Amino acid sequence: MKRLEVKISDEEAQLLEQYCQQSEKTKTDVIRSYIRQLKRKVKKVSNS
C-alpha cells in the first residue's frame, strides 16, 4: 500500500471535515472513493 501526502487550503480542509462528519466517513474513505471514481473517467477518456 502506498502513502500519499497532500497540501490543501484551510477552506478545503474544513470542507472535507464537514463532509466526513455528515457522511460519517473517514477522510481516507472519502478520498479513496473519489480516487476510485477516476477509474471510470480515465476509461471514458481512453475509449474516446
C-alpha atoms as a PDB file:
ATOM      1  CA  MET A   1       0.000   0.000   0.000  1.00  0.00           C
ATOM      2  CA  LYS A   2       1.238   3.478  -0.885  1.00  0.00           C
ATOM      3  CA  ARG A   3       1.101   6.520   1.327  1.00  0.00           C
ATOM      4  CA  LEU A   4       0.076   9.926  -0.060  1.00  0.00           C
ATOM      5  CA  GLU A   5       0.554  13.321   1.492  1.00  0.00           C
ATOM      6  CA  VAL A   6      -1.146  16.384   0.032  1.00  0.00           C
ATOM      7  CA  LYS A   7      -1.332  20.021   0.989  1.00  0.00           C
ATOM      8  CA  ILE A   8      -4.769  21.601   0.987  1.00  0.00           C
ATOM      9  CA  SER A   9      -6.024  25.014   1.946  1.00  0.00           C
ATOM     10  CA  ASP A  10      -7.739  25.690   5.258  1.00  0.00           C
ATOM     11  CA  GLU A  11     -11.022  26.069   3.382  1.00  0.00           C
ATOM     12  CA  GLU A  12     -10.582  22.694   1.650  1.00  0.00           C
ATOM     13  CA  ALA A  13      -9.691  21.042   4.954  1.00  0.00           C
ATOM     14  CA  GLN A  14     -12.801  22.485   6.592  1.00  0.00           C
ATOM     15  CA  LEU A  15     -14.987  21.321   3.716  1.00  0.00           C
ATOM     16  CA  LEU A  16     -13.524  17.821   3.883  1.00  0.00           C
ATOM     17  CA  GLU A  17     -14.011  17.709   7.648  1.00  0.00           C
ATOM     18  CA  GLN A  18     -17.642  18.818   7.348  1.00  0.00           C
ATOM     19  CA  TYR A  19     -18.333  16.246   4.655  1.00  0.00           C
ATOM     20  CA  CYS A  20     -16.749  13.484   6.735  1.00  0.00           C
ATOM     21  CA  GLN A  21     -18.855  14.399   9.755  1.00  0.00           C
ATOM     22  CA  GLN A  22     -22.069  14.493   7.725  1.00  0.00           C
ATOM     23  CA  SER A  23     -21.368  11.246   5.886  1.00  0.00           C
ATOM     24  CA  GLU A  24     -19.851   9.537   8.935  1.00  0.00           C
ATOM     25  CA  LYS A  25     -16.840   8.503   6.850  1.00  0.00           C
ATOM     26  CA  THR A  26     -13.149   8.937   7.461  1.00  0.00           C
ATOM     27  CA  LYS A  27     -11.050  11.288   5.375  1.00  0.00           C
ATOM     28  CA  THR A  28      -9.241   8.266   3.983  1.00  0.00           C
ATOM     29  CA  ASP A  29     -12.519   6.636   2.918  1.00  0.00           C
ATOM     30  CA  VAL A  30     -13.740   9.811   1.241  1.00  0.00           C
ATOM     31  CA  ILE A  31     -10.516  10.387  -0.666  1.00  0.00           C
ATOM     32  CA  ARG A  32     -10.273   6.729  -1.739  1.00  0.00           C
ATOM     33  CA  SER A  33     -13.843   6.891  -3.006  1.00  0.00           C
ATOM     34  CA  TYR A  34     -13.069   9.922  -5.169  1.00  0.00           C
ATOM     35  CA  ILE A  35      -9.910   8.302  -6.498  1.00  0.00           C
ATOM     36  CA  ARG A  36     -11.883   5.171  -7.450  1.00  0.00           C
ATOM     37  CA  GLN A  37     -14.267   7.410  -9.413  1.00  0.00           C
ATOM     38  CA  LEU A  38     -11.295   8.476 -11.523  1.00  0.00           C
ATOM     39  CA  LYS A  39     -11.058   4.931 -12.872  1.00  0.00           C
ATOM     40  CA  ARG A  40     -14.351   5.351 -14.732  1.00  0.00           C
ATOM     41  CA  LYS A  41     -13.354   8.767 -16.027  1.00  0.00           C
ATOM     42  CA  VAL A  42      -9.968   7.558 -17.232  1.00  0.00           C
ATOM     43  CA  LYS A  43     -11.608   4.668 -19.131  1.00  0.00           C
ATOM     44  CA  LYS A  44     -14.063   7.063 -20.783  1.00  0.00           C
ATOM     45  CA  VAL A  45     -11.224   9.295 -21.988  1.00  0.00           C
ATOM     46  CA  SER A  46      -9.216   6.302 -23.216  1.00  0.00           C
ATOM     47  CA  ASN A  47     -12.157   4.904 -25.187  1.00  0.00           C
ATOM     48  CA  SER A  48     -12.927   8.222 -26.917  1.00  0.00           C
END
